[in-house]
Every structure is written in structure tokens, then in C-alpha cells.
Amino acid sequence: MKEIRIHGRGGQGSLVLAQFLAIAAFNDGKYSQAFPFLGGGGDRKGKPIQAFCRLDDKPIRLRSKVHYPDYVIVQDATILGEVDIASGLKENGVILINTEKELPEIEVGENVKVVVVPATRIAQEILGRPIGNTALLGAFAAVTGELTIKAVTDAVKERLGGQLGEKNSLVVQRIYEMLREK
């Protein structure tokens, strides 16, 4: 089983990203689950939140938070100063961070790969809005190889439909191709 922890801020679509991952896994013939952890009460807009996703070739019976992820996706690099994003990350894990800026040193342990992706910029260019969750979905597929690009673009088109689905599919493809070329 592969476990993914997503760090974002309330309102950025972390749960939607987890759901896209789960739908794409299903499209690839895998079992999956996606769920949020919002923490204690109140309005969460702008506050750090987590979402989780699990992918496996067999049914998933586990129903807890992801404490030891294989992959971490960070939707907002400003979280780095507030949250220990590498907590529990497995050896040979991968961290995807949505930023174009130079990152400060972060403790990620040995044998961990950190990939910086310009998800917000790509989304802004294609969608006209700085919502980078579909770009991070494409980045995840490109960097990890856990999901096929077809399953990912189909998931986006299914979930969003129409012109919005088509445009977001372009976002996925653009970042996927950009990262596969590296």
C-alpha cells in the first residue's frame, strides 16, 4: 500500500486533490481511499490542514490518518515554517512542494527526494486562477509513476466535466510533461 499525506491550507482544495488521486487510482484498477483531517473545530479557511490518500492493489481496510507516508504533497510552501512536513516520511519517500522559490533547508532525512513544482503558476497560466491542485496531481503522476497520465486526466475530466475539466486536464498534462523531461 502507498500512503500520501497532503499539507495545505483550508480552501486550497487539499481534499479535492486527495479525491482526484483516489479516482485516478480507481481508473488504473487499484483500490483507494481519500479523506481529510481538519483538526479542532471552527472555520479552517487559511489554517493548515491535512488530507490523505491510500492506493493499493488489494482492498484497504485501514481507516486511520496517514502517519508514515510514502509521499508528501505540500500545496503551500508557507506551511514549511508551521508544520513538520517530513514527519514520519518513509525512507525513499518523495516530497512535492508547490513553489518556484528557493527553499530553506528542511530536515527530510536520508534517501528522501524533494521536488519543487510551479503548480500555481501553471494553473494561473491555463486556468486564469491560482488553484494548483490539478497541477500537483500531474506532478505526482510524473514523479512517482504510481498513476498513469490517462487515469489522471480522465479523473479530472470526470470530476469537473465540460470546459473546466478540459482546461484542468491541460494543466495536468503540462506539468506532467515538464517534469518527465527533467
Foldseek 3Di string as FASTA:
>chain_A
DAKEKEKEFPPLCQQVLQVLVQQLLVVVQWHKDKAWDQPDDDDGGGPITMIMMDTGRDYDPDDDDDQAGLEYEYAALVCQVPDLRLGNHDALGEYEYQDPDDDDDHDNDPNYHYHYFPQQVLCCVQVVGRRRSLLVSLVCCQPPVSGDLVSSLVSLCVVPPDPRSVSSNVSSVVSSVVSNVD
